[in-house]
Amino acid sequence: AHYDRPSVTVDLAIFTVLHKALHVLLVKRRAAPFAGMWALPGGFVHM
């Protein structure tokens, strides 16, 4: 309790080749912050 505890997340850069080019997997965020923007898949790590 005497120390700040930052949150920990994971983010994923998943690649494939499509249409003769390297592609990355992105998700569109539904919630804030950055709602409506594209992002790498990811989220908070459970304890």
All heavy atoms as atom14 arrays in JSON, in Angstrom:
{
  "sequence": "AHYDRPSVTVDLAIFTVLHKALHVLLVKRRAAPFAGMWALPGGFVHM",
  "atom14_mask": [
    [1, 1, 1, 1, 1, 0, 0, 0, 0, 0, 0, 0, 0, 0],
    [1, 1, 1, 1, 1, 1, 1, 1, 1, 1, 0, 0, 0, 0],
    [1, 1, 1, 1, 1, 1, 1, 1, 1, 1, 1, 1, 0, 0],
    [1, 1, 1, 1, 1, 1, 1, 1, 0, 0, 0, 0, 0, 0],
    [1, 1, 1, 1, 1, 1, 1, 1, 1, 1, 1, 0, 0, 0],
    [1, 1, 1, 1, 1, 1, 1, 0, 0, 0, 0, 0, 0, 0],
    [1, 1, 1, 1, 1, 1, 0, 0, 0, 0, 0, 0, 0, 0],
    [1, 1, 1, 1, 1, 1, 1, 0, 0, 0, 0, 0, 0, 0],
    [1, 1, 1, 1, 1, 1, 1, 0, 0, 0, 0, 0, 0, 0],
    [1, 1, 1, 1, 1, 1, 1, 0, 0, 0, 0, 0, 0, 0],
    [1, 1, 1, 1, 1, 1, 1, 1, 0, 0, 0, 0, 0, 0],
    [1, 1, 1, 1, 1, 1, 1, 1, 0, 0, 0, 0, 0, 0],
    [1, 1, 1, 1, 1, 0, 0, 0, 0, 0, 0, 0, 0, 0],
    [1, 1, 1, 1, 1, 1, 1, 1, 0, 0, 0, 0, 0, 0],
    [1, 1, 1, 1, 1, 1, 1, 1, 1, 1, 1, 0, 0, 0],
    [1, 1, 1, 1, 1, 1, 1, 0, 0, 0, 0, 0, 0, 0],
    [1, 1, 1, 1, 1, 1, 1, 0, 0, 0, 0, 0, 0, 0],
    [1, 1, 1, 1, 1, 1, 1, 1, 0, 0, 0, 0, 0, 0],
    [1, 1, 1, 1, 1, 1, 1, 1, 1, 1, 0, 0, 0, 0],
    [1, 1, 1, 1, 1, 1, 1, 1, 1, 0, 0, 0, 0, 0],
    [1, 1, 1, 1, 1, 0, 0, 0, 0, 0, 0, 0, 0, 0],
    [1, 1, 1, 1, 1, 1, 1, 1, 0, 0, 0, 0, 0, 0],
    [1, 1, 1, 1, 1, 1, 1, 1, 1, 1, 0, 0, 0, 0],
    [1, 1, 1, 1, 1, 1, 1, 0, 0, 0, 0, 0, 0, 0],
    [1, 1, 1, 1, 1, 1, 1, 1, 0, 0, 0, 0, 0, 0],
    [1, 1, 1, 1, 1, 1, 1, 1, 0, 0, 0, 0, 0, 0],
    [1, 1, 1, 1, 1, 1, 1, 0, 0, 0, 0, 0, 0, 0],
    [1, 1, 1, 1, 1, 1, 1, 1, 1, 0, 0, 0, 0, 0],
    [1, 1, 1, 1, 1, 1, 1, 1, 1, 1, 1, 0, 0, 0],
    [1, 1, 1, 1, 1, 1, 1, 1, 1, 1, 1, 0, 0, 0],
    [1, 1, 1, 1, 1, 0, 0, 0, 0, 0, 0, 0, 0, 0],
    [1, 1, 1, 1, 1, 0, 0, 0, 0, 0, 0, 0, 0, 0],
    [1, 1, 1, 1, 1, 1, 1, 0, 0, 0, 0, 0, 0, 0],
    [1, 1, 1, 1, 1, 1, 1, 1, 1, 1, 1, 0, 0, 0],
    [1, 1, 1, 1, 1, 0, 0, 0, 0, 0, 0, 0, 0, 0],
    [1, 1, 1, 1, 0, 0, 0, 0, 0, 0, 0, 0, 0, 0],
    [1, 1, 1, 1, 1, 1, 1, 1, 0, 0, 0, 0, 0, 0],
    [1, 1, 1, 1, 1, 1, 1, 1, 1, 1, 1, 1, 1, 1],
    [1, 1, 1, 1, 1, 0, 0, 0, 0, 0, 0, 0, 0, 0],
    [1, 1, 1, 1, 1, 1, 1, 1, 0, 0, 0, 0, 0, 0],
    [1, 1, 1, 1, 1, 1, 1, 0, 0, 0, 0, 0, 0, 0],
    [1, 1, 1, 1, 0, 0, 0, 0, 0, 0, 0, 0, 0, 0],
    [1, 1, 1, 1, 0, 0, 0, 0, 0, 0, 0, 0, 0, 0],
    [1, 1, 1, 1, 1, 1, 1, 1, 1, 1, 1, 0, 0, 0],
    [1, 1, 1, 1, 1, 1, 1, 0, 0, 0, 0, 0, 0, 0],
    [1, 1, 1, 1, 1, 1, 1, 1, 1, 1, 0, 0, 0, 0],
    [1, 1, 1, 1, 1, 1, 1, 1, 0, 0, 0, 0, 0, 0]
  ],
  "atom14_positions": [
    [[0.82, -1.22, 0.0], [0.0, 0.0, 0.0], [0.85, 1.27, 0.0], [0.35, 2.36, -0.3], [-0.94, -0.01, 1.2], [0.0, 0.0, 0.0], [0.0, 0.0, 0.0], [0.0, 0.0, 0.0], [0.0, 0.0, 0.0], [0.0, 0.0, 0.0], [0.0, 0.0, 0.0], [0.0, 0.0, 0.0], [0.0, 0.0, 0.0], [0.0, 0.0, 0.0]],
    [[2.13, 1.14, 0.35], [3.0, 2.31, 0.41], [3.57, 2.69, -0.95], [4.26, 3.7, -1.07], [4.16, 2.05, 1.38], [3.71, 1.91, 2.79], [4.55, 1.49, 3.81], [2.5, 2.16, 3.38], [3.87, 1.47, 4.95], [2.63, 1.88, 4.71], [0.0, 0.0, 0.0], [0.0, 0.0, 0.0], [0.0, 0.0, 0.0], [0.0, 0.0, 0.0]],
    [[3.32, 1.88, -1.96], [3.92, 2.11, -3.28], [2.84, 2.2, -4.35], [1.83, 1.48, -4.3], [4.89, 0.97, -3.65], [6.05, 0.85, -2.7], [5.95, 0.07, -1.55], [7.24, 1.53, -2.94], [7.01, -0.04, -0.67], [8.31, 1.42, -2.06], [8.18, 0.63, -0.92], [9.24, 0.52, -0.06], [0.0, 0.0, 0.0], [0.0, 0.0, 0.0]],
    [[3.05, 3.09, -5.32], [2.15, 3.15, -6.46], [2.28, 1.87, -7.27], [3.38, 1.31, -7.41], [2.49, 4.34, -7.35], [2.17, 5.66, -6.68], [1.26, 5.67, -5.82], [2.83, 6.66, -7.01], [0.0, 0.0, 0.0], [0.0, 0.0, 0.0], [0.0, 0.0, 0.0], [0.0, 0.0, 0.0], [0.0, 0.0, 0.0], [0.0, 0.0, 0.0]],
    [[1.17, 1.41, -7.82], [1.2, 0.17, -8.61], [0.67, 0.46, -10.02], [-0.55, 0.58, -10.22], [0.36, -0.91, -7.93], [1.03, -1.5, -6.7], [0.14, -2.47, -5.98], [-0.9, -1.79, -5.23], [-1.83, -2.41, -4.5], [-1.85, -3.72, -4.47], [-2.73, -1.72, -3.84], [0.0, 0.0, 0.0], [0.0, 0.0, 0.0], [0.0, 0.0, 0.0]],
    [[1.55, 0.59, -10.98], [1.09, 0.84, -12.36], [0.35, -0.36, -12.91], [0.59, -1.51, -12.5], [2.4, 1.09, -13.12], [3.44, 0.38, -12.32], [3.0, 0.51, -10.88], [0.0, 0.0, 0.0], [0.0, 0.0, 0.0], [0.0, 0.0, 0.0], [0.0, 0.0, 0.0], [0.0, 0.0, 0.0], [0.0, 0.0, 0.0], [0.0, 0.0, 0.0]],
    [[-0.54, -0.11, -13.84], [-1.25, -1.2, -14.51], [-0.34, -1.81, -15.58], [0.57, -1.15, -16.09], [-2.53, -0.68, -15.17], [-3.43, -0.19, -14.19], [0.0, 0.0, 0.0], [0.0, 0.0, 0.0], [0.0, 0.0, 0.0], [0.0, 0.0, 0.0], [0.0, 0.0, 0.0], [0.0, 0.0, 0.0], [0.0, 0.0, 0.0], [0.0, 0.0, 0.0]],
    [[-0.59, -3.06, -15.91], [0.19, -3.78, -16.92], [-0.76, -4.26, -18.01], [-1.81, -4.84, -17.72], [0.95, -4.97, -16.31], [1.73, -5.72, -17.4], [1.9, -4.5, -15.22], [0.0, 0.0, 0.0], [0.0, 0.0, 0.0], [0.0, 0.0, 0.0], [0.0, 0.0, 0.0], [0.0, 0.0, 0.0], [0.0, 0.0, 0.0], [0.0, 0.0, 0.0]],
    [[-0.39, -4.01, -19.26], [-1.18, -4.49, -20.39], [-0.3, -5.3, -21.32], [0.92, -5.35, -21.19], [-1.79, -3.31, -21.18], [-0.73, -2.5, -21.69], [-2.7, -2.48, -20.31], [0.0, 0.0, 0.0], [0.0, 0.0, 0.0], [0.0, 0.0, 0.0], [0.0, 0.0, 0.0], [0.0, 0.0, 0.0], [0.0, 0.0, 0.0], [0.0, 0.0, 0.0]],
    [[-0.94, -5.93, -22.29], [-0.25, -6.59, -23.39], [-0.81, -6.01, -24.69], [-2.0, -5.72, -24.78], [-0.44, -8.13, -23.37], [0.36, -8.75, -22.24], [-1.92, -8.5, -23.26], [0.0, 0.0, 0.0], [0.0, 0.0, 0.0], [0.0, 0.0, 0.0], [0.0, 0.0, 0.0], [0.0, 0.0, 0.0], [0.0, 0.0, 0.0], [0.0, 0.0, 0.0]],
    [[0.06, -5.82, -25.68], [-0.36, -5.4, -27.01], [0.29, -6.33, -28.02], [1.4, -6.82, -27.81], [0.05, -3.95, -27.28], [-0.8, -2.96, -26.49], [-2.03, -2.99, -26.66], [-0.23, -2.18, -25.71], [0.0, 0.0, 0.0], [0.0, 0.0, 0.0], [0.0, 0.0, 0.0], [0.0, 0.0, 0.0], [0.0, 0.0, 0.0], [0.0, 0.0, 0.0]],
    [[-0.42, -6.57, -29.14], [0.03, -7.6, -30.07], [0.13, -7.08, -31.5], [-0.84, -6.53, -32.03], [-0.95, -8.79, -30.03], [-1.12, -9.42, -28.66], [-2.47, -9.06, -28.1], [-0.96, -10.92, -28.72], [0.0, 0.0, 0.0], [0.0, 0.0, 0.0], [0.0, 0.0, 0.0], [0.0, 0.0, 0.0], [0.0, 0.0, 0.0], [0.0, 0.0, 0.0]],
    [[1.28, -7.27, -32.1], [1.49, -6.96, -33.51], [1.46, -8.29, -34.27], [2.43, -9.05, -34.25], [2.82, -6.25, -33.71], [0.0, 0.0, 0.0], [0.0, 0.0, 0.0], [0.0, 0.0, 0.0], [0.0, 0.0, 0.0], [0.0, 0.0, 0.0], [0.0, 0.0, 0.0], [0.0, 0.0, 0.0], [0.0, 0.0, 0.0], [0.0, 0.0, 0.0]],
    [[0.33, -8.57, -34.92], [0.13, -9.83, -35.64], [0.22, -9.54, -37.13], [-0.55, -8.74, -37.67], [-1.24, -10.45, -35.31], [-1.42, -10.56, -33.79], [-1.37, -11.82, -35.96], [-0.39, -11.41, -33.09], [0.0, 0.0, 0.0], [0.0, 0.0, 0.0], [0.0, 0.0, 0.0], [0.0, 0.0, 0.0], [0.0, 0.0, 0.0], [0.0, 0.0, 0.0]],
    [[1.17, -10.19, -37.81], [1.44, -9.91, -39.21], [1.02, -11.07, -40.11], [1.04, -12.23, -39.71], [2.93, -9.65, -39.43], [3.46, -8.43, -38.72], [4.22, -8.57, -37.58], [3.2, -7.17, -39.21], [4.72, -7.45, -36.93], [3.69, -6.04, -38.57], [4.45, -6.18, -37.42], [0.0, 0.0, 0.0], [0.0, 0.0, 0.0], [0.0, 0.0, 0.0]],
    [[0.66, -10.71, -41.35], [0.42, -11.7, -42.39], [0.77, -11.05, -43.73], [1.03, -9.85, -43.8], [-1.04, -12.18, -42.39], [-1.15, -13.37, -43.19], [-1.98, -11.12, -42.96], [0.0, 0.0, 0.0], [0.0, 0.0, 0.0], [0.0, 0.0, 0.0], [0.0, 0.0, 0.0], [0.0, 0.0, 0.0], [0.0, 0.0, 0.0], [0.0, 0.0, 0.0]],
    [[0.77, -11.85, -44.79], [0.97, -11.32, -46.14], [-0.34, -11.45, -46.91], [-0.89, -12.55, -47.04], [2.1, -12.06, -46.88], [2.11, -11.68, -48.36], [3.45, -11.72, -46.25], [0.0, 0.0, 0.0], [0.0, 0.0, 0.0], [0.0, 0.0, 0.0], [0.0, 0.0, 0.0], [0.0, 0.0, 0.0], [0.0, 0.0, 0.0], [0.0, 0.0, 0.0]],
    [[-0.85, -10.32, -47.37], [-2.08, -10.26, -48.16], [-1.85, -9.33, -49.34], [-1.19, -8.29, -49.19], [-3.24, -9.71, -47.31], [-3.94, -10.63, -46.33], [-4.96, -9.82, -45.53], [-4.64, -11.78, -47.05], [0.0, 0.0, 0.0], [0.0, 0.0, 0.0], [0.0, 0.0, 0.0], [0.0, 0.0, 0.0], [0.0, 0.0, 0.0], [0.0, 0.0, 0.0]],
    [[-2.42, -9.69, -50.49], [-2.35, -8.83, -51.66], [-0.92, -8.37, -51.95], [-0.66, -7.2, -52.24], [-3.27, -7.61, -51.47], [-4.63, -7.95, -50.97], [-5.47, -8.82, -51.63], [-5.3, -7.55, -49.84], [-6.6, -8.93, -50.95], [-6.52, -8.18, -49.87], [0.0, 0.0, 0.0], [0.0, 0.0, 0.0], [0.0, 0.0, 0.0], [0.0, 0.0, 0.0]],
    [[0.02, -9.3, -51.78], [1.43, -9.06, -52.07], [2.02, -7.94, -51.22], [2.86, -7.15, -51.68], [1.63, -8.75, -53.55], [1.23, -9.91, -54.47], [1.53, -9.59, -55.92], [1.17, -10.79, -56.8], [1.5, -10.55, -58.23], [0.0, 0.0, 0.0], [0.0, 0.0, 0.0], [0.0, 0.0, 0.0], [0.0, 0.0, 0.0], [0.0, 0.0, 0.0]],
    [[1.6, -7.87, -49.95], [2.14, -6.86, -49.04], [2.0, -7.35, -47.6], [1.1, -8.12, -47.27], [1.42, -5.52, -49.21], [0.0, 0.0, 0.0], [0.0, 0.0, 0.0], [0.0, 0.0, 0.0], [0.0, 0.0, 0.0], [0.0, 0.0, 0.0], [0.0, 0.0, 0.0], [0.0, 0.0, 0.0], [0.0, 0.0, 0.0], [0.0, 0.0, 0.0]],
    [[2.91, -6.89, -46.74], [2.83, -7.21, -45.32], [1.66, -6.44, -44.7], [1.53, -5.24, -44.89], [4.14, -6.83, -44.63], [4.25, -7.19, -43.15], [4.31, -8.7, -42.96], [5.48, -6.52, -42.52], [0.0, 0.0, 0.0], [0.0, 0.0, 0.0], [0.0, 0.0, 0.0], [0.0, 0.0, 0.0], [0.0, 0.0, 0.0], [0.0, 0.0, 0.0]],
    [[0.82, -7.15, -43.97], [-0.33, -6.54, -43.29], [-0.25, -6.79, -41.79], [0.34, -7.78, -41.34], [-1.65, -7.11, -43.84], [-2.07, -6.5, -45.14], [-1.32, -6.58, -46.28], [-3.2, -5.81, -45.48], [-1.95, -5.97, -47.28], [-3.08, -5.48, -46.82], [0.0, 0.0, 0.0], [0.0, 0.0, 0.0], [0.0, 0.0, 0.0], [0.0, 0.0, 0.0]],
    [[-0.87, -5.9, -41.02], [-0.94, -6.03, -39.58], [-2.4, -6.05, -39.15], [-3.25, -5.4, -39.76], [-0.17, -4.88, -38.87], [-0.83, -3.52, -39.16], [-0.06, -5.13, -37.38], [0.0, 0.0, 0.0], [0.0, 0.0, 0.0], [0.0, 0.0, 0.0], [0.0, 0.0, 0.0], [0.0, 0.0, 0.0], [0.0, 0.0, 0.0], [0.0, 0.0, 0.0]],
    [[-2.69, -6.81, -38.1], [-4.06, -6.92, -37.59], [-4.36, -5.75, -36.65], [-3.61, -5.49, -35.71], [-4.22, -8.24, -36.83], [-5.63, -8.58, -36.35], [-6.55, -8.86, -37.53], [-5.59, -9.78, -35.41], [0.0, 0.0, 0.0], [0.0, 0.0, 0.0], [0.0, 0.0, 0.0], [0.0, 0.0, 0.0], [0.0, 0.0, 0.0], [0.0, 0.0, 0.0]],
    [[-5.46, -5.03, -36.93], [-5.87, -3.9, -36.1], [-7.33, -4.05, -35.68], [-8.13, -4.66, -36.4], [-5.69, -2.58, -36.85], [-4.27, -2.21, -37.3], [-4.3, -0.91, -38.09], [-3.32, -2.12, -36.12], [0.0, 0.0, 0.0], [0.0, 0.0, 0.0], [0.0, 0.0, 0.0], [0.0, 0.0, 0.0], [0.0, 0.0, 0.0], [0.0, 0.0, 0.0]],
    [[-7.64, -3.49, -34.52], [-9.02, -3.47, -34.03], [-9.45, -2.02, -33.84], [-8.64, -1.16, -33.5], [-9.18, -4.25, -32.7], [-8.86, -5.71, -32.9], [-8.3, -3.66, -31.61], [0.0, 0.0, 0.0], [0.0, 0.0, 0.0], [0.0, 0.0, 0.0], [0.0, 0.0, 0.0], [0.0, 0.0, 0.0], [0.0, 0.0, 0.0], [0.0, 0.0, 0.0]],
    [[-10.73, -1.75, -34.08], [-11.26, -0.4, -33.87], [-11.8, -0.32, -32.45], [-12.66, -1.11, -32.05], [-12.35, -0.07, -34.87], [-12.94, 1.32, -34.68], [-13.95, 1.67, -35.77], [-13.26, 2.01, -37.07], [-14.23, 2.56, -38.07], [0.0, 0.0, 0.0], [0.0, 0.0, 0.0], [0.0, 0.0, 0.0], [0.0, 0.0, 0.0], [0.0, 0.0, 0.0]],
    [[-11.3, 0.65, -31.67], [-11.69, 0.77, -30.27], [-13.14, 1.24, -30.15], [-13.56, 2.19, -30.81], [-10.76, 1.74, -29.55], [-9.35, 1.18, -29.37], [-8.48, 2.14, -28.58], [-9.03, 2.46, -27.28], [-8.94, 1.68, -26.22], [-8.32, 0.5, -26.31], [-9.45, 2.07, -25.05], [0.0, 0.0, 0.0], [0.0, 0.0, 0.0], [0.0, 0.0, 0.0]],
    [[-13.87, 0.54, -29.28], [-15.27, 0.89, -29.05], [-15.41, 1.94, -27.93], [-16.33, 2.74, -27.93], [-16.05, -0.37, -28.67], [-17.56, -0.18, -28.6], [-18.25, -1.42, -28.04], [-17.96, -2.6, -28.83], [-18.63, -2.97, -29.91], [-19.63, -2.23, -30.35], [-18.31, -4.08, -30.56], [0.0, 0.0, 0.0], [0.0, 0.0, 0.0], [0.0, 0.0, 0.0]],
    [[-14.47, 1.91, -26.97], [-14.6, 2.77, -25.79], [-13.44, 3.76, -25.69], [-12.4, 3.61, -26.33], [-14.66, 1.9, -24.52], [0.0, 0.0, 0.0], [0.0, 0.0, 0.0], [0.0, 0.0, 0.0], [0.0, 0.0, 0.0], [0.0, 0.0, 0.0], [0.0, 0.0, 0.0], [0.0, 0.0, 0.0], [0.0, 0.0, 0.0], [0.0, 0.0, 0.0]],
    [[-13.63, 4.78, -24.85], [-12.57, 5.73, -24.57], [-11.47, 5.05, -23.74], [-11.75, 4.08, -23.03], [-13.14, 6.93, -23.82], [0.0, 0.0, 0.0], [0.0, 0.0, 0.0], [0.0, 0.0, 0.0], [0.0, 0.0, 0.0], [0.0, 0.0, 0.0], [0.0, 0.0, 0.0], [0.0, 0.0, 0.0], [0.0, 0.0, 0.0], [0.0, 0.0, 0.0]],
    [[-10.24, 5.55, -23.83], [-9.81, 6.66, -24.67], [-9.6, 6.22, -26.12], [-9.51, 5.03, -26.4], [-8.48, 7.07, -24.03], [-7.95, 5.8, -23.45], [-9.15, 5.05, -22.96], [0.0, 0.0, 0.0], [0.0, 0.0, 0.0], [0.0, 0.0, 0.0], [0.0, 0.0, 0.0], [0.0, 0.0, 0.0], [0.0, 0.0, 0.0], [0.0, 0.0, 0.0]],
    [[-9.56, 7.17, -27.01], [-9.34, 6.93, -28.43], [-10.46, 6.09, -29.06], [-10.21, 5.28, -29.95], [-7.99, 6.24, -28.68], [-6.83, 6.98, -28.1], [-6.16, 6.48, -27.0], [-6.41, 8.19, -28.64], [-5.07, 7.15, -26.45], [-5.32, 8.87, -28.11], [-4.65, 8.35, -27.0], [0.0, 0.0, 0.0], [0.0, 0.0, 0.0], [0.0, 0.0, 0.0]],
    [[-11.7, 6.28, -28.6], [-12.84, 5.56, -29.18], [-12.93, 5.86, -30.67], [-12.8, 7.01, -31.09], [-14.14, 5.95, -28.47], [0.0, 0.0, 0.0], [0.0, 0.0, 0.0], [0.0, 0.0, 0.0], [0.0, 0.0, 0.0], [0.0, 0.0, 0.0], [0.0, 0.0, 0.0], [0.0, 0.0, 0.0], [0.0, 0.0, 0.0], [0.0, 0.0, 0.0]],
    [[-13.14, 4.83, -31.46], [-13.26, 4.98, -32.9], [-11.95, 4.91, -33.65], [-11.94, 4.88, -34.88], [0.0, 0.0, 0.0], [0.0, 0.0, 0.0], [0.0, 0.0, 0.0], [0.0, 0.0, 0.0], [0.0, 0.0, 0.0], [0.0, 0.0, 0.0], [0.0, 0.0, 0.0], [0.0, 0.0, 0.0], [0.0, 0.0, 0.0], [0.0, 0.0, 0.0]],
    [[-10.83, 4.89, -32.93], [-9.53, 4.8, -33.58], [-9.08, 3.33, -33.68], [-9.52, 2.47, -32.91], [-8.47, 5.6, -32.81], [-8.63, 7.1, -32.91], [-7.2, 7.99, -32.21], [-5.9, 7.51, -33.36], [0.0, 0.0, 0.0], [0.0, 0.0, 0.0], [0.0, 0.0, 0.0], [0.0, 0.0, 0.0], [0.0, 0.0, 0.0], [0.0, 0.0, 0.0]],
    [[-8.2, 3.08, -34.62], [-7.64, 1.74, -34.78], [-6.46, 1.57, -33.84], [-5.76, 2.53, -33.51], [-7.21, 1.51, -36.22], [-8.37, 1.42, -37.17], [-8.89, 2.43, -37.92], [-9.17, 0.26, -37.44], [-9.96, 1.97, -38.65], [-10.15, 0.65, -38.38], [-9.15, -1.06, -37.0], [-11.1, -0.25, -38.87], [-10.09, -1.95, -37.48], [-11.06, -1.55, -38.4]],
    [[-6.27, 0.33, -33.39], [-5.2, 0.03, -32.43], [-4.77, -1.42, -32.58], [-5.47, -2.23, -33.21], [-5.7, 0.28, -31.0], [0.0, 0.0, 0.0], [0.0, 0.0, 0.0], [0.0, 0.0, 0.0], [0.0, 0.0, 0.0], [0.0, 0.0, 0.0], [0.0, 0.0, 0.0], [0.0, 0.0, 0.0], [0.0, 0.0, 0.0], [0.0, 0.0, 0.0]],
    [[-3.64, -1.73, -32.02], [-3.23, -3.13, -31.95], [-4.13, -3.84, -30.94], [-4.55, -3.25, -29.95], [-1.77, -3.24, -31.49], [-0.71, -2.59, -32.4], [0.64, -2.63, -31.7], [-0.65, -3.31, -33.74], [0.0, 0.0, 0.0], [0.0, 0.0, 0.0], [0.0, 0.0, 0.0], [0.0, 0.0, 0.0], [0.0, 0.0, 0.0], [0.0, 0.0, 0.0]],
    [[-4.44, -5.12, -31.16], [-5.2, -5.86, -30.15], [-4.43, -5.89, -28.83], [-3.19, -5.97, -28.83], [-5.32, -7.27, -30.76], [-5.02, -7.1, -32.21], [-4.08, -5.94, -32.32], [0.0, 0.0, 0.0], [0.0, 0.0, 0.0], [0.0, 0.0, 0.0], [0.0, 0.0, 0.0], [0.0, 0.0, 0.0], [0.0, 0.0, 0.0], [0.0, 0.0, 0.0]],
    [[-5.16, -5.84, -27.73], [-4.49, -5.9, -26.43], [-5.42, -5.5, -25.32], [-6.59, -5.17, -25.53], [0.0, 0.0, 0.0], [0.0, 0.0, 0.0], [0.0, 0.0, 0.0], [0.0, 0.0, 0.0], [0.0, 0.0, 0.0], [0.0, 0.0, 0.0], [0.0, 0.0, 0.0], [0.0, 0.0, 0.0], [0.0, 0.0, 0.0], [0.0, 0.0, 0.0]],
    [[-4.9, -5.54, -24.09], [-5.71, -5.17, -22.94], [-4.96, -5.42, -21.65], [-3.77, -5.77, -21.65], [0.0, 0.0, 0.0], [0.0, 0.0, 0.0], [0.0, 0.0, 0.0], [0.0, 0.0, 0.0], [0.0, 0.0, 0.0], [0.0, 0.0, 0.0], [0.0, 0.0, 0.0], [0.0, 0.0, 0.0], [0.0, 0.0, 0.0], [0.0, 0.0, 0.0]],
    [[-5.67, -5.26, -20.54], [-5.05, -5.35, -19.22], [-4.82, -6.8, -18.81], [-5.62, -7.7, -19.11], [-5.93, -4.66, -18.19], [-5.93, -3.15, -18.34], [-6.88, -2.52, -19.12], [-4.96, -2.39, -17.71], [-6.87, -1.14, -19.26], [-4.95, -1.01, -17.85], [-5.9, -0.38, -18.63], [0.0, 0.0, 0.0], [0.0, 0.0, 0.0], [0.0, 0.0, 0.0]],
    [[-3.72, -7.01, -18.11], [-3.36, -8.34, -17.6], [-4.07, -8.56, -16.27], [-4.02, -7.72, -15.37], [-1.84, -8.45, -17.4], [-1.46, -9.81, -16.83], [-1.11, -8.19, -18.71], [0.0, 0.0, 0.0], [0.0, 0.0, 0.0], [0.0, 0.0, 0.0], [0.0, 0.0, 0.0], [0.0, 0.0, 0.0], [0.0, 0.0, 0.0], [0.0, 0.0, 0.0]],
    [[-4.75, -9.71, -16.15], [-5.41, -10.06, -14.89], [-4.37, -10.5, -13.86], [-3.29, -10.99, -14.21], [-6.42, -11.17, -15.12], [-7.57, -10.75, -16.0], [-8.45, -11.65, -16.55], [-7.97, -9.52, -16.44], [-9.35, -11.0, -17.28], [-9.07, -9.71, -17.22], [0.0, 0.0, 0.0], [0.0, 0.0, 0.0], [0.0, 0.0, 0.0], [0.0, 0.0, 0.0]],
    [[-4.7, -10.36, -12.6], [-3.77, -10.69, -11.54], [-3.41, -12.18, -11.5], [-2.35, -12.55, -11.0], [-4.37, -10.28, -10.18], [-4.51, -8.78, -10.0], [-2.91, -7.91, -9.97], [-2.32, -8.42, -8.36], [0.0, 0.0, 0.0], [0.0, 0.0, 0.0], [0.0, 0.0, 0.0], [0.0, 0.0, 0.0], [0.0, 0.0, 0.0], [0.0, 0.0, 0.0]]
  ]
}
